């Protein structure tokens, strides 16, 4: 249960960072790179959360 909560917390943090970047008017190359990295991290965390859920069944 603790693993799932930590994964959810990390997902929330990444979503907040993505929102912060998307609120900017002019994105530079660094913002674009951050968005790509956060998107990959988000995908990885979602897969980990799914695995954790399956292990709990």
PDB file of N, CA and C in Angstrom:
ATOM      1  N   UNK A   1       0.828  -1.196   0.000  1.00  0.00           N
ATOM      2  CA  UNK A   1       0.000   0.000   0.000  1.00  0.00           C
ATOM      3  C   UNK A   1       0.868   1.255   0.000  1.00  0.00           C
ATOM      4  N   UNK A   2       1.949   1.236   0.735  1.00  0.00           N
ATOM      5  CA  UNK A   2       2.816   2.398   0.830  1.00  0.00           C
ATOM      6  C   UNK A   2       3.467   2.701  -0.519  1.00  0.00           C
ATOM      7  N   UNK A   3       3.790   1.675  -1.288  1.00  0.00           N
ATOM      8  CA  UNK A   3       4.400   1.870  -2.602  1.00  0.00           C
ATOM      9  C   UNK A   3       3.426   2.598  -3.524  1.00  0.00           C
ATOM     10  N   UNK A   4       2.173   2.172  -3.514  1.00  0.00           N
ATOM     11  CA  UNK A   4       1.170   2.825  -4.357  1.00  0.00           C
ATOM     12  C   UNK A   4       1.002   4.288  -3.988  1.00  0.00           C
ATOM     13  N   UNK A   5       0.981   4.591  -2.718  1.00  0.00           N
ATOM     14  CA  UNK A   5       0.819   5.979  -2.276  1.00  0.00           C
ATOM     15  C   UNK A   5       2.003   6.836  -2.720  1.00  0.00           C
ATOM     16  N   UNK A   6       3.211   6.292  -2.607  1.00  0.00           N
ATOM     17  CA  UNK A   6       4.403   7.027  -3.027  1.00  0.00           C
ATOM     18  C   UNK A   6       4.383   7.260  -4.534  1.00  0.00           C
ATOM     19  N   UNK A   7       3.975   6.250  -5.305  1.00  0.00           N
ATOM     20  CA  UNK A   7       3.874   6.401  -6.753  1.00  0.00           C
ATOM     21  C   UNK A   7       2.853   7.479  -7.110  1.00  0.00           C
ATOM     22  N   UNK A   8       1.705   7.462  -6.435  1.00  0.00           N
ATOM     23  CA  UNK A   8       0.672   8.474  -6.691  1.00  0.00           C
ATOM     24  C   UNK A   8       1.183   9.871  -6.354  1.00  0.00           C
ATOM     25  N   UNK A   9       1.936   9.980  -5.272  1.00  0.00           N
ATOM     26  CA  UNK A   9       2.507  11.267  -4.869  1.00  0.00           C
ATOM     27  C   UNK A   9       3.470  11.778  -5.940  1.00  0.00           C
ATOM     28  N   UNK A  10       4.322  10.885  -6.440  1.00  0.00           N
ATOM     29  CA  UNK A  10       5.281  11.276  -7.475  1.00  0.00           C
ATOM     30  C   UNK A  10       4.573  11.670  -8.770  1.00  0.00           C
ATOM     31  N   UNK A  11       3.512  10.961  -9.114  1.00  0.00           N
ATOM     32  CA  UNK A  11       2.730  11.303 -10.301  1.00  0.00           C
ATOM     33  C   UNK A  11       2.131  12.695 -10.148  1.00  0.00           C
ATOM     34  N   UNK A  12       1.604  12.998  -8.978  1.00  0.00           N
ATOM     35  CA  UNK A  12       1.022  14.323  -8.722  1.00  0.00           C
ATOM     36  C   UNK A  12       2.064  15.425  -8.869  1.00  0.00           C
ATOM     37  N   UNK A  13       3.258  15.188  -8.369  1.00  0.00           N
ATOM     38  CA  UNK A  13       4.334  16.180  -8.463  1.00  0.00           C
ATOM     39  C   UNK A  13       4.684  16.435  -9.927  1.00  0.00           C
ATOM     40  N   UNK A  14       4.799  15.375 -10.705  1.00  0.00           N
ATOM     41  CA  UNK A  14       5.137  15.534 -12.123  1.00  0.00           C
ATOM     42  C   UNK A  14       4.026  16.273 -12.857  1.00  0.00           C
ATOM     43  N   UNK A  15       2.773  15.943 -12.559  1.00  0.00           N
ATOM     44  CA  UNK A  15       1.658  16.641 -13.206  1.00  0.00           C
ATOM     45  C   UNK A  15       1.666  18.130 -12.875  1.00  0.00           C
ATOM     46  N   UNK A  16       2.018  18.479 -11.643  1.00  0.00           N
ATOM     47  CA  UNK A  16       2.119  19.886 -11.253  1.00  0.00           C
ATOM     48  C   UNK A  16       3.213  20.589 -12.050  1.00  0.00           C
ATOM     49  N   UNK A  17       4.353  19.929 -12.215  1.00  0.00           N
ATOM     50  CA  UNK A  17       5.458  20.529 -12.966  1.00  0.00           C
ATOM     51  C   UNK A  17       5.083  20.716 -14.430  1.00  0.00           C
ATOM     52  N   UNK A  18       4.385  19.741 -15.003  1.00  0.00           N
ATOM     53  CA  UNK A  18       3.933  19.862 -16.382  1.00  0.00           C
ATOM     54  C   UNK A  18       2.977  21.049 -16.508  1.00  0.00           C
ATOM     55  N   UNK A  19       2.057  21.183 -15.558  1.00  0.00           N
ATOM     56  CA  UNK A  19       1.119  22.315 -15.567  1.00  0.00           C
ATOM     57  C   UNK A  19       1.855  23.652 -15.493  1.00  0.00           C
ATOM     58  N   UNK A  20       2.881  23.726 -14.645  1.00  0.00           N
ATOM     59  CA  UNK A  20       3.650  24.960 -14.506  1.00  0.00           C
ATOM     60  C   UNK A  20       4.295  25.349 -15.830  1.00  0.00           C
ATOM     61  N   UNK A  21       4.868  24.380 -16.517  1.00  0.00           N
ATOM     62  CA  UNK A  21       5.519  24.662 -17.798  1.00  0.00           C
ATOM     63  C   UNK A  21       4.479  25.081 -18.832  1.00  0.00           C
ATOM     64  N   UNK A  22       3.346  24.396 -18.853  1.00  0.00           N
ATOM     65  CA  UNK A  22       2.327  24.700 -19.850  1.00  0.00           C
ATOM     66  C   UNK A  22       1.699  26.075 -19.643  1.00  0.00           C
ATOM     67  N   UNK A  23       1.782  26.628 -18.433  1.00  0.00           N
ATOM     68  CA  UNK A  23       1.232  27.952 -18.160  1.00  0.00           C
ATOM     69  C   UNK A  23       2.089  29.069 -18.746  1.00  0.00           C
ATOM     70  N   UNK A  24       3.337  28.769 -19.080  1.00  0.00           N
ATOM     71  CA  UNK A  24       4.222  29.778 -19.661  1.00  0.00           C
ATOM     72  C   UNK A  24       3.726  30.137 -21.059  1.00  0.00           C
ATOM     73  N   UNK A  25       3.958  31.373 -21.427  1.00  0.00           N
ATOM     74  CA  UNK A  25       3.549  31.848 -22.760  1.00  0.00           C
ATOM     75  C   UNK A  25       4.534  31.397 -23.837  1.00  0.00           C
ATOM     76  N   UNK A  26       5.807  31.579 -23.577  1.00  0.00           N
ATOM     77  CA  UNK A  26       6.838  31.251 -24.563  1.00  0.00           C
ATOM     78  C   UNK A  26       7.742  30.143 -24.024  1.00  0.00           C
ATOM     79  N   UNK A  27       7.611  28.969 -24.601  1.00  0.00           N
ATOM     80  CA  UNK A  27       8.437  27.851 -24.165  1.00  0.00           C
ATOM     81  C   UNK A  27       9.767  27.884 -24.908  1.00  0.00           C
ATOM     82  N   UNK A  28      10.848  27.706 -24.158  1.00  0.00           N
ATOM     83  CA  UNK A  28      12.150  27.606 -24.811  1.00  0.00           C
ATOM     84  C   UNK A  28      12.548  26.132 -24.915  1.00  0.00           C
ATOM     85  N   UNK A  29      13.708  25.887 -25.454  1.00  0.00           N
ATOM     86  CA  UNK A  29      14.159  24.514 -25.693  1.00  0.00           C
ATOM     87  C   UNK A  29      14.280  23.737 -24.382  1.00  0.00           C
ATOM     88  N   UNK A  30      14.642  24.434 -23.321  1.00  0.00           N
ATOM     89  CA  UNK A  30      14.780  23.779 -22.017  1.00  0.00           C
ATOM     90  C   UNK A  30      13.413  23.341 -21.483  1.00  0.00           C
ATOM     91  N   UNK A  31      12.409  24.187 -21.681  1.00  0.00           N
ATOM     92  CA  UNK A  31      11.050  23.829 -21.267  1.00  0.00           C
ATOM     93  C   UNK A  31      10.561  22.607 -22.035  1.00  0.00           C
ATOM     94  N   UNK A  32      10.854  22.583 -23.328  1.00  0.00           N
ATOM     95  CA  UNK A  32      10.436  21.448 -24.156  1.00  0.00           C
ATOM     96  C   UNK A  32      11.126  20.167 -23.694  1.00  0.00           C
ATOM     97  N   UNK A  33      12.401  20.269 -23.369  1.00  0.00           N
ATOM     98  CA  UNK A  33      13.146  19.105 -22.881  1.00  0.00           C
ATOM     99  C   UNK A  33      12.580  18.636 -21.542  1.00  0.00           C
ATOM    100  N   UNK A  34      12.249  19.586 -20.678  1.00  0.00           N
ATOM    101  CA  UNK A  34      11.647  19.232 -19.388  1.00  0.00           C
ATOM    102  C   UNK A  34      10.315  18.516 -19.595  1.00  0.00           C
ATOM    103  N   UNK A  35       9.492  19.036 -20.507  1.00  0.00           N
ATOM    104  CA  UNK A  35       8.203  18.394 -20.776  1.00  0.00           C
ATOM    105  C   UNK A  35       8.395  16.960 -21.265  1.00  0.00           C
ATOM    106  N   UNK A  36       9.354  16.765 -22.151  1.00  0.00           N
ATOM    107  CA  UNK A  36       9.620  15.411 -22.662  1.00  0.00           C
ATOM    108  C   UNK A  36      10.078  14.491 -21.531  1.00  0.00           C
ATOM    109  N   UNK A  37      10.961  14.990 -20.685  1.00  0.00           N
ATOM    110  CA  UNK A  37      11.469  14.172 -19.570  1.00  0.00           C
ATOM    111  C   UNK A  37      10.355  13.854 -18.571  1.00  0.00           C
ATOM    112  N   UNK A  38       9.532  14.854 -18.250  1.00  0.00           N
ATOM    113  CA  UNK A  38       8.431  14.630 -17.309  1.00  0.00           C
ATOM    114  C   UNK A  38       7.399  13.662 -17.883  1.00  0.00           C
ATOM    115  N   UNK A  39       7.145  13.764 -19.184  1.00  0.00           N
ATOM    116  CA  UNK A  39       6.197  12.854 -19.813  1.00  0.00           C
ATOM    117  C   UNK A  39       6.702  11.417 -19.734  1.00  0.00           C
ATOM    118  N   UNK A  40       7.989  11.222 -19.993  1.00  0.00           N
ATOM    119  CA  UNK A  40       8.575   9.877 -19.895  1.00  0.00           C
ATOM    120  C   UNK A  40       8.513   9.373 -18.458  1.00  0.00           C
ATOM    121  N   UNK A  41       8.848  10.233 -17.513  1.00  0.00           N
ATOM    122  CA  UNK A  41       8.793   9.846 -16.102  1.00  0.00           C
ATOM    123  C   UNK A  41       7.373   9.492 -15.690  1.00  0.00           C
ATOM    124  N   UNK A  42       6.412  10.273 -16.167  1.00  0.00           N
ATOM    125  CA  UNK A  42       5.011  10.019 -15.852  1.00  0.00           C
ATOM    126  C   UNK A  42       4.590   8.654 -16.387  1.00  0.00           C
ATOM    127  N   UNK A  43       4.971   8.356 -17.611  1.00  0.00           N
ATOM    128  CA  UNK A  43       4.645   7.051 -18.206  1.00  0.00           C
ATOM    129  C   UNK A  43       5.260   5.924 -17.378  1.00  0.00           C
ATOM    130  N   UNK A  44       6.522   6.072 -17.010  1.00  0.00           N
ATOM    131  CA  UNK A  44       7.198   5.049 -16.207  1.00  0.00           C
ATOM    132  C   UNK A  44       6.510   4.844 -14.860  1.00  0.00           C
ATOM    133  N   UNK A  45       6.112   5.944 -14.222  1.00  0.00           N
ATOM    134  CA  UNK A  45       5.436   5.842 -12.932  1.00  0.00           C
ATOM    135  C   UNK A  45       4.064   5.185 -13.060  1.00  0.00           C
ATOM    136  N   UNK A  46       3.362   5.490 -14.133  1.00  0.00           N
ATOM    137  CA  UNK A  46       2.045   4.874 -14.354  1.00  0.00           C
ATOM    138  C   UNK A  46       2.178   3.365 -14.537  1.00  0.00           C
ATOM    139  N   UNK A  47       3.211   2.942 -15.266  1.00  0.00           N
ATOM    140  CA  UNK A  47       3.468   1.506 -15.435  1.00  0.00           C
ATOM    141  C   UNK A  47       3.800   0.882 -14.081  1.00  0.00           C
ATOM    142  N   UNK A  48       4.629   1.550 -13.299  1.00  0.00           N
ATOM    143  CA  UNK A  48       4.983   1.037 -11.971  1.00  0.00           C
ATOM    144  C   UNK A  48       3.758   0.936 -11.073  1.00  0.00           C
ATOM    145  N   UNK A  49       2.876   1.913 -11.152  1.00  0.00           N
ATOM    146  CA  UNK A  49       1.654   1.885 -10.353  1.00  0.00           C
ATOM    147  C   UNK A  49       0.774   0.708 -10.759  1.00  0.00           C
ATOM    148  N   UNK A  50       0.663   0.461 -12.053  1.00  0.00           N
ATOM    149  CA  UNK A  50      -0.134  -0.669 -12.531  1.00  0.00           C
ATOM    150  C   UNK A  50       0.458  -1.991 -12.040  1.00  0.00           C
ATOM    151  N   UNK A  51       1.767  -2.115 -12.099  1.00  0.00           N
ATOM    152  CA  UNK A  51       2.425  -3.335 -11.616  1.00  0.00           C
ATOM    153  C   UNK A  51       2.172  -3.509 -10.121  1.00  0.00           C
ATOM    154  N   UNK A  52       2.304  -2.406  -9.364  1.00  0.00           N
ATOM    155  CA  UNK A  52       2.072  -2.484  -7.915  1.00  0.00           C
ATOM    156  C   UNK A  52       0.644  -2.917  -7.623  1.00  0.00           C
ATOM    157  N   UNK A  53      -0.319  -2.405  -8.376  1.00  0.00           N
ATOM    158  CA  UNK A  53      -1.721  -2.795  -8.183  1.00  0.00           C
ATOM    159  C   UNK A  53      -1.916  -4.284  -8.464  1.00  0.00           C
ATOM    160  N   UNK A  54      -1.303  -4.761  -9.546  1.00  0.00           N
ATOM    161  CA  UNK A  54      -1.441  -6.166  -9.899  1.00  0.00           C
ATOM    162  C   UNK A  54      -0.812  -7.077  -8.841  1.00  0.00           C
ATOM    163  N   UNK A  55       0.284  -6.623  -8.277  1.00  0.00           N
ATOM    164  CA  UNK A  55       0.942  -7.430  -7.236  1.00  0.00           C
ATOM    165  C   UNK A  55       0.089  -7.498  -5.968  1.00  0.00           C
ATOM    166  N   UNK A  56      -0.730  -6.476  -5.744  1.00  0.00           N
ATOM    167  CA  UNK A  56      -1.572  -6.444  -4.544  1.00  0.00           C
ATOM    168  C   UNK A  56      -2.776  -7.396  -4.676  1.00  0.00           C
ATOM    169  N   UNK A  57      -3.121  -7.775  -5.898  1.00  0.00           N
ATOM    170  CA  UNK A  57      -4.292  -8.654  -6.097  1.00  0.00           C
ATOM    171  C   UNK A  57      -4.022 -10.078  -5.696  1.00  0.00           C
TER     172      UNK A  57
END
